[in-house]
Each structure stands twice: as C-alpha cells, then as structure tokens.
N, C-alpha and C. Protein backbone atom coordinates (compact mmCIF):
# COMPACT_ATOMS: atom_id res chain seq x y z
N MET A 1 0.78 -1.30 -0.18
CA MET A 1 0.03 0.06 0.07
C MET A 1 0.73 1.19 0.07
N ALA A 2 2.14 1.25 0.63
CA ALA A 2 3.00 2.52 0.61
C ALA A 2 3.45 2.75 -0.88
N HIS A 3 3.53 1.68 -1.80
CA HIS A 3 3.91 2.11 -2.93
C HIS A 3 2.86 2.80 -3.81
N ALA A 4 1.62 2.57 -3.35
CA ALA A 4 0.33 3.43 -4.20
C ALA A 4 0.19 4.77 -3.70
N ASN A 5 0.65 5.01 -2.46
CA ASN A 5 0.61 6.34 -1.71
C ASN A 5 1.77 7.05 -2.32
N ASP A 6 3.18 6.57 -2.51
CA ASP A 6 4.16 7.03 -2.96
C ASP A 6 4.09 7.39 -4.38
N LYS A 7 3.45 6.46 -5.26
CA LYS A 7 3.33 6.94 -6.52
C LYS A 7 2.30 8.08 -6.71
N GLN A 8 1.31 8.01 -5.90
CA GLN A 8 0.06 9.14 -5.83
C GLN A 8 0.67 10.41 -5.55
N TYR A 9 1.83 10.42 -4.50
CA TYR A 9 2.29 11.67 -4.10
C TYR A 9 3.23 12.17 -5.21
N ASP A 10 4.04 11.32 -5.81
CA ASP A 10 4.98 11.61 -6.91
C ASP A 10 4.13 12.23 -8.10
N ASN A 11 3.03 11.51 -8.45
CA ASN A 11 2.16 12.50 -9.56
C ASN A 11 1.58 13.59 -9.06
N THR A 12 1.15 13.86 -7.86
CA THR A 12 0.66 15.11 -7.44
C THR A 12 1.84 16.30 -7.60
N ILE A 13 3.11 15.87 -7.16
CA ILE A 13 4.26 17.00 -7.34
C ILE A 13 4.38 17.01 -8.63
N ARG A 14 4.34 16.10 -9.54
CA ARG A 14 4.71 16.20 -10.95
C ARG A 14 3.57 17.43 -11.66
N LYS A 15 2.29 17.06 -11.18
CA LYS A 15 1.38 17.98 -11.60
C LYS A 15 1.55 19.44 -11.15
N ARG A 16 2.01 19.49 -9.97
CA ARG A 16 2.13 21.01 -9.40
C ARG A 16 3.23 21.69 -10.17
N PHE A 17 4.39 20.84 -10.47
CA PHE A 17 5.50 21.19 -11.09
C PHE A 17 5.08 21.71 -12.40
N SER A 18 4.22 20.97 -13.15
CA SER A 18 3.85 21.37 -14.56
C SER A 18 3.02 22.69 -14.37
N TYR A 19 2.27 23.00 -13.55
CA TYR A 19 1.65 24.14 -13.21
C TYR A 19 2.52 25.33 -13.03
N LEU A 20 3.54 24.98 -12.06
CA LEU A 20 4.41 26.06 -11.69
C LEU A 20 5.26 26.56 -13.10
N ILE A 21 5.75 25.48 -13.85
CA ILE A 21 6.41 25.81 -14.98
C ILE A 21 5.66 26.66 -16.02
N VAL A 22 4.34 26.28 -16.25
CA VAL A 22 3.57 26.92 -17.19
C VAL A 22 3.32 28.55 -16.71
N THR A 23 3.04 28.60 -15.37
CA THR A 23 2.95 29.89 -14.71
C THR A 23 4.28 30.86 -15.08
N GLU A 24 5.27 30.20 -14.73
CA GLU A 24 6.54 30.98 -14.77
C GLU A 24 7.02 31.43 -16.31
N ARG A 25 6.47 30.53 -17.22
CA ARG A 25 6.79 30.94 -18.60
C ARG A 25 5.93 32.01 -19.04
N SER A 26 4.61 31.95 -18.48
CA SER A 26 3.77 32.94 -18.53
C SER A 26 4.24 34.30 -18.24
N ILE A 27 4.65 34.20 -16.90
CA ILE A 27 5.17 35.61 -16.43
C ILE A 27 6.42 35.97 -17.27
N LEU A 28 7.40 35.39 -17.69
CA LEU A 28 8.61 35.50 -18.32
C LEU A 28 8.05 36.20 -19.73
N SER A 29 7.32 35.34 -20.50
CA SER A 29 6.88 35.94 -21.67
C SER A 29 5.96 37.30 -21.56
N LEU A 30 5.25 37.58 -20.51
CA LEU A 30 4.60 38.89 -20.43
C LEU A 30 5.61 39.92 -20.22
N SER A 31 6.57 39.51 -19.47
CA SER A 31 7.72 40.64 -19.03
C SER A 31 8.55 40.86 -20.19
N ILE A 32 8.78 40.03 -21.00
CA ILE A 32 9.69 40.17 -22.28
C ILE A 32 8.81 41.10 -23.11
N SER A 33 7.47 41.02 -23.47
CA SER A 33 6.75 41.42 -24.52
C SER A 33 6.37 43.01 -23.73
N LYS A 34 6.33 43.40 -22.61
CA LYS A 34 6.41 44.52 -21.73
C LYS A 34 7.70 45.44 -22.08
N ALA A 35 8.74 44.60 -21.88
CA ALA A 35 10.06 45.40 -21.98
C ALA A 35 10.16 45.91 -23.41
N LYS A 36 9.68 45.20 -24.38
CA LYS A 36 10.02 45.52 -25.74
C LYS A 36 9.13 46.83 -26.12
N THR A 37 8.30 47.21 -25.28
CA THR A 37 7.51 48.38 -25.51
C THR A 37 7.57 49.54 -24.67
N SER A 38 8.59 49.27 -23.69
CA SER A 38 8.67 50.42 -22.51
C SER A 38 9.99 51.18 -22.59
N SER A 39 9.82 52.38 -21.88
CA SER A 39 10.94 53.19 -21.86
C SER A 39 11.88 52.51 -20.78
N ALA A 40 13.23 53.17 -20.72
CA ALA A 40 14.19 52.59 -19.74
C ALA A 40 13.70 52.64 -18.49
N TYR A 41 13.13 53.81 -18.02
CA TYR A 41 12.47 53.91 -16.70
C TYR A 41 11.49 52.85 -16.34
N GLU A 42 10.67 52.56 -17.28
CA GLU A 42 9.53 51.67 -16.91
C GLU A 42 10.26 50.36 -16.84
N GLN A 43 10.99 50.22 -17.69
CA GLN A 43 11.95 48.57 -17.78
C GLN A 43 12.51 48.61 -16.38
N SER A 44 13.06 49.69 -15.84
CA SER A 44 13.63 49.34 -14.41
C SER A 44 12.68 49.13 -13.37
N LYS A 45 11.41 49.94 -13.49
CA LYS A 45 10.37 49.39 -12.67
C LYS A 45 9.91 47.93 -12.74
N ASN A 46 9.82 47.62 -14.09
CA ASN A 46 9.34 46.26 -14.17
C ASN A 46 10.20 45.32 -13.83
N VAL A 47 11.48 45.63 -14.02
CA VAL A 47 12.60 44.53 -13.55
C VAL A 47 12.31 44.32 -11.94
N LEU A 48 12.19 45.48 -11.23
CA LEU A 48 11.78 45.36 -9.79
C LEU A 48 10.56 44.46 -9.56
N LYS A 49 9.49 44.84 -10.23
CA LYS A 49 8.18 43.93 -10.06
C LYS A 49 8.48 42.51 -10.46
N PHE A 50 9.05 42.38 -11.48
CA PHE A 50 9.35 41.07 -11.84
C PHE A 50 10.19 40.25 -10.84
N GLN A 51 11.31 40.82 -10.32
CA GLN A 51 12.08 40.17 -9.12
C GLN A 51 11.17 39.84 -8.00
N VAL A 52 10.26 40.74 -7.65
CA VAL A 52 9.18 40.54 -6.59
C VAL A 52 8.48 39.15 -6.98
N CYS A 53 7.84 39.24 -7.98
CA CYS A 53 7.18 38.14 -8.68
C CYS A 53 7.90 36.76 -8.59
N ILE A 54 9.12 36.82 -8.91
CA ILE A 54 9.88 35.50 -8.84
C ILE A 54 10.11 35.06 -7.50
N LYS A 55 10.40 36.04 -6.68
CA LYS A 55 10.40 35.61 -5.29
C LYS A 55 9.11 35.07 -4.65
N LYS A 56 7.97 35.53 -4.90
CA LYS A 56 6.73 35.07 -4.55
C LYS A 56 6.50 33.65 -5.10
N LEU A 57 6.82 33.63 -6.66
CA LEU A 57 6.67 32.18 -6.97
C LEU A 57 7.58 31.14 -6.30
N LEU A 58 8.80 31.47 -6.24
CA LEU A 58 9.71 30.68 -5.34
C LEU A 58 9.16 30.35 -4.07
N LEU A 59 8.60 31.17 -3.18
CA LEU A 59 7.98 30.94 -2.02
C LEU A 59 6.54 29.98 -2.02
N PHE A 60 5.97 30.28 -3.16
CA PHE A 60 4.92 29.55 -3.51
C PHE A 60 5.27 27.87 -3.95
N THR A 61 6.51 27.76 -4.62
CA THR A 61 6.70 26.63 -5.14
C THR A 61 7.20 25.77 -3.82
N VAL A 62 7.92 26.53 -2.93
CA VAL A 62 8.57 25.97 -1.70
C VAL A 62 7.29 25.26 -0.89
N SER A 63 6.29 26.29 -0.81
CA SER A 63 5.13 25.77 0.02
C SER A 63 4.30 24.67 -0.32
N ILE A 64 4.41 24.65 -1.73
CA ILE A 64 3.46 23.52 -2.46
C ILE A 64 4.20 22.28 -2.19
N LEU A 65 5.66 22.42 -2.60
CA LEU A 65 6.26 21.18 -2.55
C LEU A 65 6.52 20.45 -1.19
N PHE A 66 6.35 21.23 -0.05
CA PHE A 66 6.51 20.59 1.15
C PHE A 66 5.08 20.59 2.05
N ASP A 67 4.20 20.94 1.35
CA ASP A 67 2.76 21.10 1.80
C ASP A 67 2.06 19.56 1.93
N ASN A 68 1.84 18.93 2.92
CA ASN A 68 1.26 17.46 3.10
C ASN A 68 -0.06 17.61 2.94
C-alpha cells in the first residue's frame, strides 16, 4: 500500500511542477513583451516588479512542494 501512496504523491508533485512551469513561462513572456515596448525607466520598474514576482513564485513553489 505504501507504494501506491508514494506513486500518488509523486504524480501530485509532477502536476504541481507542471503548473508552476507554465505559470513561470507566462510571467517571463509577459515581461519580455512589456519590456520591448517600454522606456528605460519603465523597464527598471518592471525589473523590480518581476524580481518580486519571482520571489513570490519561489516561496509558493516551496510551500506547495512541502505541503502535506
């Protein structure tokens, strides 16, 4: 029975990673398209916002991975 639970847990982690990868790619593509049309000042503000988003995403990732 332990094997079934381990497999289910592994599948859950894989699904969560897939979701996070899609989310991260979406954030990156939005940031890149925004940067192409912005001034230097706007780009610097966007970089700071992007860094905050990445930190939140990483914290979210850790909380999901270690959430039982």
